[in-house]
Amino acid sequence: MALTDTAVRHAKPRAKDYTLPDYNGLALFVNTKGAKCWHFRFSWADKQPRVSLGTYPEISLRDARALRDVARALVARGIDPRVHRQLERNARRLVTENA
């Protein structure tokens, strides 16, 4: 079942960390202190790594789904989203250093 904005907003901390799944690999991780983080889980080299997409409420459910779709497109093209993110960070750092 897909998450709703209300379910995300009302997710409260519990005695143990837990995850609220959305669909197509997106999930909201809620820790014991109440912090909420979006994760995207995907298949890569016979493993199921995950990549963080940001924290709620900075990243809304709609934005998290859009970021998930971008990451899924990368996986479909044979690009590891974790490596892609690192390459983007390195490129930004080089631009900043050379400016």
PDB file of N, CA and C in Angstrom:
ATOM      1  N   MET A   1       0.845  -1.178   0.000  1.00  0.00           N
ATOM      2  CA  MET A   1       0.000   0.000   0.000  1.00  0.00           C
ATOM      3  C   MET A   1       0.890   1.241   0.000  1.00  0.00           C
ATOM      4  N   ALA A   2       0.538   2.207  -0.794  1.00  0.00           N
ATOM      5  CA  ALA A   2       1.320   3.430  -0.908  1.00  0.00           C
ATOM      6  C   ALA A   2       1.148   4.305   0.332  1.00  0.00           C
ATOM      7  N   LEU A   3       2.219   4.990   0.671  1.00  0.00           N
ATOM      8  CA  LEU A   3       2.168   5.929   1.792  1.00  0.00           C
ATOM      9  C   LEU A   3       1.319   7.141   1.436  1.00  0.00           C
ATOM     10  N   THR A   4       0.792   7.774   2.440  1.00  0.00           N
ATOM     11  CA  THR A   4       0.096   9.044   2.262  1.00  0.00           C
ATOM     12  C   THR A   4       0.853  10.100   3.055  1.00  0.00           C
ATOM     13  N   ASP A   5       0.632  11.357   2.706  1.00  0.00           N
ATOM     14  CA  ASP A   5       1.289  12.442   3.426  1.00  0.00           C
ATOM     15  C   ASP A   5       0.893  12.424   4.900  1.00  0.00           C
ATOM     16  N   THR A   6      -0.354  12.088   5.178  1.00  0.00           N
ATOM     17  CA  THR A   6      -0.822  12.019   6.566  1.00  0.00           C
ATOM     18  C   THR A   6      -0.079  10.931   7.341  1.00  0.00           C
ATOM     19  N   ALA A   7       0.096   9.764   6.735  1.00  0.00           N
ATOM     20  CA  ALA A   7       0.809   8.674   7.407  1.00  0.00           C
ATOM     21  C   ALA A   7       2.255   9.064   7.694  1.00  0.00           C
ATOM     22  N   VAL A   8       2.878   9.763   6.757  1.00  0.00           N
ATOM     23  CA  VAL A   8       4.262  10.213   6.950  1.00  0.00           C
ATOM     24  C   VAL A   8       4.325  11.232   8.078  1.00  0.00           C
ATOM     25  N   ARG A   9       3.418  12.180   8.047  1.00  0.00           N
ATOM     26  CA  ARG A   9       3.391  13.241   9.061  1.00  0.00           C
ATOM     27  C   ARG A   9       3.178  12.675  10.459  1.00  0.00           C
ATOM     28  N   HIS A  10       2.336  11.654  10.575  1.00  0.00           N
ATOM     29  CA  HIS A  10       1.975  11.102  11.876  1.00  0.00           C
ATOM     30  C   HIS A  10       2.848   9.934  12.323  1.00  0.00           C
ATOM     31  N   ALA A  11       3.881   9.605  11.569  1.00  0.00           N
ATOM     32  CA  ALA A  11       4.794   8.529  11.980  1.00  0.00           C
ATOM     33  C   ALA A  11       5.541   8.974  13.229  1.00  0.00           C
ATOM     34  N   LYS A  12       5.382   8.238  14.294  1.00  0.00           N
ATOM     35  CA  LYS A  12       5.965   8.587  15.597  1.00  0.00           C
ATOM     36  C   LYS A  12       7.086   7.617  15.950  1.00  0.00           C
ATOM     37  N   PRO A  13       8.008   8.053  16.808  1.00  0.00           N
ATOM     38  CA  PRO A  13       9.073   7.138  17.239  1.00  0.00           C
ATOM     39  C   PRO A  13       8.501   5.984  18.059  1.00  0.00           C
ATOM     40  N   ARG A  14       9.158   4.850  17.963  1.00  0.00           N
ATOM     41  CA  ARG A  14       8.776   3.663  18.730  1.00  0.00           C
ATOM     42  C   ARG A  14       9.994   3.193  19.525  1.00  0.00           C
ATOM     43  N   ALA A  15       9.842   2.102  20.227  1.00  0.00           N
ATOM     44  CA  ALA A  15      10.946   1.554  21.013  1.00  0.00           C
ATOM     45  C   ALA A  15      12.102   1.097  20.120  1.00  0.00           C
ATOM     46  N   LYS A  16      11.783   0.695  18.870  1.00  0.00           N
ATOM     47  CA  LYS A  16      12.808   0.270  17.918  1.00  0.00           C
ATOM     48  C   LYS A  16      12.625   1.042  16.618  1.00  0.00           C
ATOM     49  N   ASP A  17      13.731   1.203  15.863  1.00  0.00           N
ATOM     50  CA  ASP A  17      13.653   1.815  14.539  1.00  0.00           C
ATOM     51  C   ASP A  17      12.709   0.985  13.663  1.00  0.00           C
ATOM     52  N   TYR A  18      12.013   1.657  12.742  1.00  0.00           N
ATOM     53  CA  TYR A  18      11.137   0.933  11.830  1.00  0.00           C
ATOM     54  C   TYR A  18      11.072   1.643  10.486  1.00  0.00           C
ATOM     55  N   THR A  19      10.514   0.945   9.504  1.00  0.00           N
ATOM     56  CA  THR A  19      10.428   1.452   8.143  1.00  0.00           C
ATOM     57  C   THR A  19       8.986   1.383   7.663  1.00  0.00           C
ATOM     58  N   LEU A  20       8.537   2.457   7.015  1.00  0.00           N
ATOM     59  CA  LEU A  20       7.221   2.484   6.377  1.00  0.00           C
ATOM     60  C   LEU A  20       7.440   2.400   4.869  1.00  0.00           C
ATOM     61  N   PRO A  21       7.107   1.277   4.237  1.00  0.00           N
ATOM     62  CA  PRO A  21       7.340   1.147   2.800  1.00  0.00           C
ATOM     63  C   PRO A  21       6.319   1.925   1.979  1.00  0.00           C
ATOM     64  N   ASP A  22       6.771   2.465   0.865  1.00  0.00           N
ATOM     65  CA  ASP A  22       5.882   3.096  -0.107  1.00  0.00           C
ATOM     66  C   ASP A  22       5.724   2.079  -1.239  1.00  0.00           C
ATOM     67  N   TYR A  23       6.340   2.282  -2.372  1.00  0.00           N
ATOM     68  CA  TYR A  23       6.368   1.297  -3.439  1.00  0.00           C
ATOM     69  C   TYR A  23       7.541   1.605  -4.355  1.00  0.00           C
ATOM     70  N   ASN A  24       7.904   0.633  -5.195  1.00  0.00           N
ATOM     71  CA  ASN A  24       9.045   0.742  -6.104  1.00  0.00           C
ATOM     72  C   ASN A  24      10.340   1.090  -5.379  1.00  0.00           C
ATOM     73  N   GLY A  25      10.522   0.534  -4.184  1.00  0.00           N
ATOM     74  CA  GLY A  25      11.783   0.688  -3.477  1.00  0.00           C
ATOM     75  C   GLY A  25      11.873   1.845  -2.515  1.00  0.00           C
ATOM     76  N   LEU A  26      10.899   2.727  -2.494  1.00  0.00           N
ATOM     77  CA  LEU A  26      10.938   3.881  -1.595  1.00  0.00           C
ATOM     78  C   LEU A  26      10.392   3.500  -0.223  1.00  0.00           C
ATOM     79  N   ALA A  27      11.053   4.004   0.822  1.00  0.00           N
ATOM     80  CA  ALA A  27      10.578   3.748   2.185  1.00  0.00           C
ATOM     81  C   ALA A  27      10.988   4.905   3.081  1.00  0.00           C
ATOM     82  N   LEU A  28      10.213   5.097   4.134  1.00  0.00           N
ATOM     83  CA  LEU A  28      10.524   6.106   5.144  1.00  0.00           C
ATOM     84  C   LEU A  28      11.049   5.379   6.373  1.00  0.00           C
ATOM     85  N   PHE A  29      12.286   5.684   6.756  1.00  0.00           N
ATOM     86  CA  PHE A  29      12.914   5.103   7.937  1.00  0.00           C
ATOM     87  C   PHE A  29      12.681   6.052   9.101  1.00  0.00           C
ATOM     88  N   VAL A  30      12.147   5.542  10.209  1.00  0.00           N
ATOM     89  CA  VAL A  30      11.886   6.346  11.405  1.00  0.00           C
ATOM     90  C   VAL A  30      12.714   5.760  12.543  1.00  0.00           C
ATOM     91  N   ASN A  31      13.592   6.585  13.141  1.00  0.00           N
ATOM     92  CA  ASN A  31      14.411   6.053  14.236  1.00  0.00           C
ATOM     93  C   ASN A  31      13.743   6.304  15.586  1.00  0.00           C
ATOM     94  N   THR A  32      14.368   5.836  16.641  1.00  0.00           N
ATOM     95  CA  THR A  32      13.774   5.902  17.978  1.00  0.00           C
ATOM     96  C   THR A  32      13.653   7.326  18.503  1.00  0.00           C
ATOM     97  N   LYS A  33      14.376   8.259  17.910  1.00  0.00           N
ATOM     98  CA  LYS A  33      14.283   9.662  18.329  1.00  0.00           C
ATOM     99  C   LYS A  33      13.285  10.452  17.491  1.00  0.00           C
ATOM    100  N   GLY A  34      12.694   9.798  16.490  1.00  0.00           N
ATOM    101  CA  GLY A  34      11.681  10.442  15.673  1.00  0.00           C
ATOM    102  C   GLY A  34      12.179  11.033  14.373  1.00  0.00           C
ATOM    103  N   ALA A  35      13.480  10.931  14.088  1.00  0.00           N
ATOM    104  CA  ALA A  35      14.008  11.434  12.817  1.00  0.00           C
ATOM    105  C   ALA A  35      13.483  10.555  11.683  1.00  0.00           C
ATOM    106  N   LYS A  36      13.135  11.181  10.561  1.00  0.00           N
ATOM    107  CA  LYS A  36      12.554  10.468   9.426  1.00  0.00           C
ATOM    108  C   LYS A  36      13.435  10.683   8.204  1.00  0.00           C
ATOM    109  N   CYS A  37      13.828   9.593   7.567  1.00  0.00           N
ATOM    110  CA  CYS A  37      14.736   9.653   6.428  1.00  0.00           C
ATOM    111  C   CYS A  37      14.199   8.783   5.296  1.00  0.00           C
ATOM    112  N   TRP A  38      14.212   9.330   4.080  1.00  0.00           N
ATOM    113  CA  TRP A  38      13.770   8.591   2.905  1.00  0.00           C
ATOM    114  C   TRP A  38      14.907   7.717   2.404  1.00  0.00           C
ATOM    115  N   HIS A  39      14.607   6.446   2.079  1.00  0.00           N
ATOM    116  CA  HIS A  39      15.578   5.523   1.513  1.00  0.00           C
ATOM    117  C   HIS A  39      15.004   4.912   0.246  1.00  0.00           C
ATOM    118  N   PHE A  40      15.901   4.659  -0.707  1.00  0.00           N
ATOM    119  CA  PHE A  40      15.526   3.935  -1.920  1.00  0.00           C
ATOM    120  C   PHE A  40      16.358   2.661  -1.964  1.00  0.00           C
ATOM    121  N   ARG A  41      15.697   1.521  -2.008  1.00  0.00           N
ATOM    122  CA  ARG A  41      16.379   0.227  -2.084  1.00  0.00           C
ATOM    123  C   ARG A  41      16.232  -0.299  -3.509  1.00  0.00           C
ATOM    124  N   PHE A  42      17.349  -0.820  -4.048  1.00  0.00           N
ATOM    125  CA  PHE A  42      17.349  -1.291  -5.428  1.00  0.00           C
ATOM    126  C   PHE A  42      18.230  -2.528  -5.536  1.00  0.00           C
ATOM    127  N   SER A  43      18.082  -3.272  -6.616  1.00  0.00           N
ATOM    128  CA  SER A  43      18.906  -4.458  -6.849  1.00  0.00           C
ATOM    129  C   SER A  43      20.134  -4.063  -7.651  1.00  0.00           C
ATOM    130  N   TRP A  44      21.314  -4.514  -7.153  1.00  0.00           N
ATOM    131  CA  TRP A  44      22.563  -4.198  -7.838  1.00  0.00           C
ATOM    132  C   TRP A  44      23.567  -5.304  -7.523  1.00  0.00           C
ATOM    133  N   ALA A  45      24.031  -5.994  -8.542  1.00  0.00           N
ATOM    134  CA  ALA A  45      25.043  -7.044  -8.392  1.00  0.00           C
ATOM    135  C   ALA A  45      24.611  -8.074  -7.338  1.00  0.00           C
ATOM    136  N   ASP A  46      23.385  -8.564  -7.476  1.00  0.00           N
ATOM    137  CA  ASP A  46      22.831  -9.575  -6.571  1.00  0.00           C
ATOM    138  C   ASP A  46      22.754  -9.124  -5.116  1.00  0.00           C
ATOM    139  N   LYS A  47      22.727  -7.839  -4.896  1.00  0.00           N
ATOM    140  CA  LYS A  47      22.560  -7.291  -3.549  1.00  0.00           C
ATOM    141  C   LYS A  47      21.428  -6.281  -3.589  1.00  0.00           C
ATOM    142  N   GLN A  48      20.993  -5.835  -2.415  1.00  0.00           N
ATOM    143  CA  GLN A  48      19.944  -4.829  -2.340  1.00  0.00           C
ATOM    144  C   GLN A  48      20.440  -3.646  -1.519  1.00  0.00           C
ATOM    145  N   PRO A  49      21.319  -2.844  -2.111  1.00  0.00           N
ATOM    146  CA  PRO A  49      21.792  -1.666  -1.377  1.00  0.00           C
ATOM    147  C   PRO A  49      20.690  -0.619  -1.293  1.00  0.00           C
ATOM    148  N   ARG A  50      20.906   0.359  -0.463  1.00  0.00           N
ATOM    149  CA  ARG A  50      19.942   1.454  -0.395  1.00  0.00           C
ATOM    150  C   ARG A  50      20.708   2.767  -0.406  1.00  0.00           C
ATOM    151  N   VAL A  51      20.023   3.771  -0.876  1.00  0.00           N
ATOM    152  CA  VAL A  51      20.599   5.105  -0.933  1.00  0.00           C
ATOM    153  C   VAL A  51      19.628   6.050  -0.231  1.00  0.00           C
ATOM    154  N   SER A  52      20.178   6.952   0.556  1.00  0.00           N
ATOM    155  CA  SER A  52      19.349   7.926   1.263  1.00  0.00           C
ATOM    156  C   SER A  52      18.962   9.043   0.302  1.00  0.00           C
ATOM    157  N   LEU A  53      17.716   9.463   0.372  1.00  0.00           N
ATOM    158  CA  LEU A  53      17.231  10.533  -0.500  1.00  0.00           C
ATOM    159  C   LEU A  53      17.025  11.844   0.247  1.00  0.00           C
ATOM    160  N   GLY A  54      17.195  11.841   1.550  1.00  0.00           N
ATOM    161  CA  GLY A  54      17.018  13.053   2.341  1.00  0.00           C
ATOM    162  C   GLY A  54      16.088  12.810   3.509  1.00  0.00           C
ATOM    163  N   THR A  55      15.885  13.855   4.285  1.00  0.00           N
ATOM    164  CA  THR A  55      15.071  13.736   5.489  1.00  0.00           C
ATOM    165  C   THR A  55      13.721  14.425   5.309  1.00  0.00           C
ATOM    166  N   TYR A  56      12.748  13.918   6.044  1.00  0.00           N
ATOM    167  CA  TYR A  56      11.427  14.534   6.095  1.00  0.00           C
ATOM    168  C   TYR A  56      11.430  15.480   7.292  1.00  0.00           C
ATOM    169  N   PRO A  57      10.942  16.674   7.198  1.00  0.00           N
ATOM    170  CA  PRO A  57      10.067  17.270   6.192  1.00  0.00           C
ATOM    171  C   PRO A  57      10.795  18.055   5.095  1.00  0.00           C
ATOM    172  N   GLU A  58      12.144  18.097   5.120  1.00  0.00           N
ATOM    173  CA  GLU A  58      12.866  18.826   4.073  1.00  0.00           C
ATOM    174  C   GLU A  58      12.540  18.270   2.691  1.00  0.00           C
ATOM    175  N   ILE A  59      12.405  16.960   2.602  1.00  0.00           N
ATOM    176  CA  ILE A  59      12.017  16.288   1.365  1.00  0.00           C
ATOM    177  C   ILE A  59      10.609  15.725   1.585  1.00  0.00           C
ATOM    178  N   SER A  60       9.649  16.245   0.843  1.00  0.00           N
ATOM    179  CA  SER A  60       8.257  15.794   0.988  1.00  0.00           C
ATOM    180  C   SER A  60       8.075  14.424   0.336  1.00  0.00           C
ATOM    181  N   LEU A  61       6.932  13.819   0.550  1.00  0.00           N
ATOM    182  CA  LEU A  61       6.618  12.537  -0.076  1.00  0.00           C
ATOM    183  C   LEU A  61       6.674  12.664  -1.594  1.00  0.00           C
ATOM    184  N   ARG A  62       6.110  13.720  -2.128  1.00  0.00           N
ATOM    185  CA  ARG A  62       6.116  13.935  -3.581  1.00  0.00           C
ATOM    186  C   ARG A  62       7.546  14.062  -4.104  1.00  0.00           C
ATOM    187  N   ASP A  63       8.382  14.841  -3.404  1.00  0.00           N
ATOM    188  CA  ASP A  63       9.775  15.019  -3.821  1.00  0.00           C
ATOM    189  C   ASP A  63      10.557  13.712  -3.697  1.00  0.00           C
ATOM    190  N   ALA A  64      10.294  12.952  -2.644  1.00  0.00           N
ATOM    191  CA  ALA A  64      10.978  11.667  -2.454  1.00  0.00           C
ATOM    192  C   ALA A  64      10.631  10.711  -3.591  1.00  0.00           C
ATOM    193  N   ARG A  65       9.385  10.714  -4.011  1.00  0.00           N
ATOM    194  CA  ARG A  65       8.992   9.855  -5.135  1.00  0.00           C
ATOM    195  C   ARG A  65       9.673  10.294  -6.421  1.00  0.00           C
ATOM    196  N   ALA A  66       9.812  11.602  -6.619  1.00  0.00           N
ATOM    197  CA  ALA A  66      10.503  12.099  -7.812  1.00  0.00           C
ATOM    198  C   ALA A  66      11.978  11.692  -7.785  1.00  0.00           C
ATOM    199  N   LEU A  67      12.621  11.820  -6.629  1.00  0.00           N
ATOM    200  CA  LEU A  67      14.021  11.407  -6.497  1.00  0.00           C
ATOM    201  C   LEU A  67      14.168   9.901  -6.700  1.00  0.00           C
ATOM    202  N   ARG A  68      13.211   9.137  -6.198  1.00  0.00           N
ATOM    203  CA  ARG A  68      13.211   7.692  -6.408  1.00  0.00           C
ATOM    204  C   ARG A  68      13.119   7.359  -7.891  1.00  0.00           C
ATOM    205  N   ASP A  69      12.275   8.089  -8.624  1.00  0.00           N
ATOM    206  CA  ASP A  69      12.127   7.845 -10.053  1.00  0.00           C
ATOM    207  C   ASP A  69      13.421   8.131 -10.804  1.00  0.00           C
ATOM    208  N   VAL A  70      14.134   9.183 -10.401  1.00  0.00           N
ATOM    209  CA  VAL A  70      15.429   9.501 -11.016  1.00  0.00           C
ATOM    210  C   VAL A  70      16.415   8.368 -10.742  1.00  0.00           C
ATOM    211  N   ALA A  71      16.468   7.905  -9.501  1.00  0.00           N
ATOM    212  CA  ALA A  71      17.382   6.821  -9.139  1.00  0.00           C
ATOM    213  C   ALA A  71      17.022   5.531  -9.879  1.00  0.00           C
ATOM    214  N   ARG A  72      15.746   5.252 -10.021  1.00  0.00           N
ATOM    215  CA  ARG A  72      15.324   4.052 -10.766  1.00  0.00           C
ATOM    216  C   ARG A  72      15.738   4.136 -12.222  1.00  0.00           C
ATOM    217  N   ALA A  73      15.641   5.337 -12.803  1.00  0.00           N
ATOM    218  CA  ALA A  73      16.059   5.518 -14.194  1.00  0.00           C
ATOM    219  C   ALA A  73      17.562   5.266 -14.339  1.00  0.00           C
ATOM    220  N   LEU A  74      18.342   5.703 -13.360  1.00  0.00           N
ATOM    221  CA  LEU A  74      19.784   5.445 -13.389  1.00  0.00           C
ATOM    222  C   LEU A  74      20.057   3.944 -13.349  1.00  0.00           C
ATOM    223  N   VAL A  75      19.375   3.237 -12.459  1.00  0.00           N
ATOM    224  CA  VAL A  75      19.559   1.787 -12.348  1.00  0.00           C
ATOM    225  C   VAL A  75      19.177   1.115 -13.664  1.00  0.00           C
ATOM    226  N   ALA A  76      18.103   1.563 -14.289  1.00  0.00           N
ATOM    227  CA  ALA A  76      17.658   0.988 -15.559  1.00  0.00           C
ATOM    228  C   ALA A  76      18.699   1.186 -16.658  1.00  0.00           C
ATOM    229  N   ARG A  77      19.475   2.274 -16.566  1.00  0.00           N
ATOM    230  CA  ARG A  77      20.537   2.547 -17.547  1.00  0.00           C
ATOM    231  C   ARG A  77      21.864   1.907 -17.148  1.00  0.00           C
ATOM    232  N   GLY A  78      21.871   1.147 -16.058  1.00  0.00           N
ATOM    233  CA  GLY A  78      23.084   0.463 -15.637  1.00  0.00           C
ATOM    234  C   GLY A  78      24.032   1.327 -14.826  1.00  0.00           C
ATOM    235  N   ILE A  79      23.507   2.375 -14.204  1.00  0.00           N
ATOM    236  CA  ILE A  79      24.320   3.290 -13.403  1.00  0.00           C
ATOM    237  C   ILE A  79      23.927   3.136 -11.941  1.00  0.00           C
ATOM    238  N   ASP A  80      24.924   2.913 -11.091  1.00  0.00           N
ATOM    239  CA  ASP A  80      24.689   2.796  -9.653  1.00  0.00           C
ATOM    240  C   ASP A  80      24.400   4.193  -9.101  1.00  0.00           C
ATOM    241  N   PRO A  81      23.236   4.430  -8.500  1.00  0.00           N
ATOM    242  CA  PRO A  81      22.904   5.762  -7.987  1.00  0.00           C
ATOM    243  C   PRO A  81      23.892   6.273  -6.942  1.00  0.00           C
ATOM    244  N   ARG A  82      24.499   5.374  -6.175  1.00  0.00           N
ATOM    245  CA  ARG A  82      25.478   5.800  -5.165  1.00  0.00           C
ATOM    246  C   ARG A  82      26.730   6.358  -5.825  1.00  0.00           C
ATOM    247  N   VAL A  83      27.189   5.692  -6.883  1.00  0.00           N
ATOM    248  CA  VAL A  83      28.369   6.159  -7.613  1.00  0.00           C
ATOM    249  C   VAL A  83      28.044   7.464  -8.330  1.00  0.00           C
ATOM    250  N   HIS A  84      26.864   7.540  -8.922  1.00  0.00           N
ATOM    251  CA  HIS A  84      26.451   8.756  -9.625  1.00  0.00           C
ATOM    252  C   HIS A  84      26.434   9.949  -8.676  1.00  0.00           C
ATOM    253  N   ARG A  85      25.911   9.765  -7.477  1.00  0.00           N
ATOM    254  CA  ARG A  85      25.864  10.844  -6.490  1.00  0.00           C
ATOM    255  C   ARG A  85      27.278  11.300  -6.127  1.00  0.00           C
ATOM    256  N   GLN A  86      28.187  10.339  -5.929  1.00  0.00           N
ATOM    257  CA  GLN A  86      29.560  10.683  -5.563  1.00  0.00           C
ATOM    258  C   GLN A  86      30.246  11.445  -6.691  1.00  0.00           C
ATOM    259  N   LEU A  87      30.017  11.036  -7.935  1.00  0.00           N
ATOM    260  CA  LEU A  87      30.604  11.746  -9.073  1.00  0.00           C
ATOM    261  C   LEU A  87      30.071  13.172  -9.167  1.00  0.00           C
ATOM    262  N   GLU A  88      28.774  13.357  -8.910  1.00  0.00           N
ATOM    263  CA  GLU A  88      28.202  14.706  -8.922  1.00  0.00           C
ATOM    264  C   GLU A  88      28.814  15.570  -7.834  1.00  0.00           C
ATOM    265  N   ARG A  89      28.999  15.017  -6.647  1.00  0.00           N
ATOM    266  CA  ARG A  89      29.611  15.772  -5.547  1.00  0.00           C
ATOM    267  C   ARG A  89      31.043  16.169  -5.891  1.00  0.00           C
ATOM    268  N   ASN A  90      31.798  15.231  -6.466  1.00  0.00           N
ATOM    269  CA  ASN A  90      33.178  15.535  -6.848  1.00  0.00           C
ATOM    270  C   ASN A  90      33.225  16.629  -7.906  1.00  0.00           C
ATOM    271  N   ALA A  91      32.317  16.576  -8.869  1.00  0.00           N
ATOM    272  CA  ALA A  91      32.282  17.592  -9.922  1.00  0.00           C
ATOM    273  C   ALA A  91      31.949  18.962  -9.341  1.00  0.00           C
ATOM    274  N   ARG A  92      30.988  19.021  -8.420  1.00  0.00           N
ATOM    275  CA  ARG A  92      30.646  20.305  -7.787  1.00  0.00           C
ATOM    276  C   ARG A  92      31.814  20.855  -6.991  1.00  0.00           C
ATOM    277  N   ARG A  93      32.524  19.964  -6.302  1.00  0.00           N
ATOM    278  CA  ARG A  93      33.672  20.391  -5.504  1.00  0.00           C
ATOM    279  C   ARG A  93      34.765  20.964  -6.409  1.00  0.00           C
ATOM    280  N   LEU A  94      35.007  20.329  -7.549  1.00  0.00           N
ATOM    281  CA  LEU A  94      36.010  20.829  -8.484  1.00  0.00           C
ATOM    282  C   LEU A  94      35.626  22.194  -9.031  1.00  0.00           C
ATOM    283  N   VAL A  95      34.356  22.369  -9.353  1.00  0.00           N
ATOM    284  CA  VAL A  95      33.886  23.661  -9.859  1.00  0.00           C
ATOM    285  C   VAL A  95      34.070  24.734  -8.799  1.00  0.00           C
ATOM    286  N   THR A  96      33.738  24.412  -7.557  1.00  0.00           N
ATOM    287  CA  THR A  96      33.876  25.371  -6.458  1.00  0.00           C
ATOM    288  C   THR A  96      35.340  25.715  -6.209  1.00  0.00           C
ATOM    289  N   GLU A  97      36.212  24.718  -6.248  1.00  0.00           N
ATOM    290  CA  GLU A  97      37.636  24.956  -6.007  1.00  0.00           C
ATOM    291  C   GLU A  97      38.277  25.765  -7.120  1.00  0.00           C
ATOM    292  N   ASN A  98      37.801  25.589  -8.345  1.00  0.00           N
ATOM    293  CA  ASN A  98      38.398  26.275  -9.491  1.00  0.00           C
ATOM    294  C   ASN A  98      37.747  27.612  -9.793  1.00  0.00           C
ATOM    295  N   ALA A  99      36.754  27.993  -9.033  1.00  0.00           N
ATOM    296  CA  ALA A  99      36.051  29.258  -9.295  1.00  0.00           C
ATOM    297  C   ALA A  99      36.798  30.436  -8.703  1.00  0.00           C
TER     298      ALA A  99
END
